[in-house]
Amino acid sequence: MPIVPVRSCQGSRRRGLQIAAAAIALPSLLLSARAQAQTSRQVTPAQAEGPFYPVAWPVDSDSDLLVNGAAARYGRGRAATVEGTLTDTEGRALRGAVIEIWQCDADGRYHHPGDGGRADPTFQGAGRVTVDAQGQWRFRTIRPVAYGGRAPHIHLKVRLGTRELLTTQLYVEGDAGNARDFLWQRLSPTERAALTVPFVAVPDGSVQARLPIVVAA
């Protein structure tokens, strides 16, 4: 009967143990990599609410700010579609969350008593929309304009049930007023990139902007 060298048996056993250990560790490594990918989503930076959050929401507070109730369609400024997604830090859509926006009209006036109540009544000025099952949301409004020392911006708030998850502001990429805006200047380069998006011209003459929102929910 041939004699099997002891060293050969030990080597085979060692290799077998190494393969078994690797097989056991692999699921943990995959889960760890997946967790890192899921938690790598940057939370959208928060910013100040500002003084002109609606005191009382208009009767017409839907997603189309260019039509205010029975008033004629708002014809000032440049029409814009502002849309995006709302997810948590793991990429899950927050279905049923509510997104609110408010902004000034084309003359820089808000529907707010603190701004003298001089906003154009045909501009709705504020709106709400419920996020769908895919996390999508969309508004029809105007490209924001500058006023005072502020760069063009749109205020935005996210609510889920009774919880307020985020208040922030959306800026126009490439606008010369950004560098002079005291709130935009306070943002880090990463935060600026998260809140400053292009408003792209489309064939009908309007512009479109897209903002992905990530919140810790």
Foldseek 3Di string as FASTA:
>chain_A
DDDDDPVVVVVVVVVVVVVVVCVVCVVVVVVVVLVCVLQVDDAQDFDDQDDFDPPDAAPPAAQEQQARPPDDGNDDAFKEKEKEFEEASRRAAPFFKKKKKFAAPNVRAACGVVRVNPGDNRGNGMHMDTQHRNRMDMHMHHFACDDDLAHGKMWMWIGDVPDTFHTHIAAEPPDPSLVRHPRSVPDDPVNNVQRYWHFDADPVRHTYTYHYHYTHD
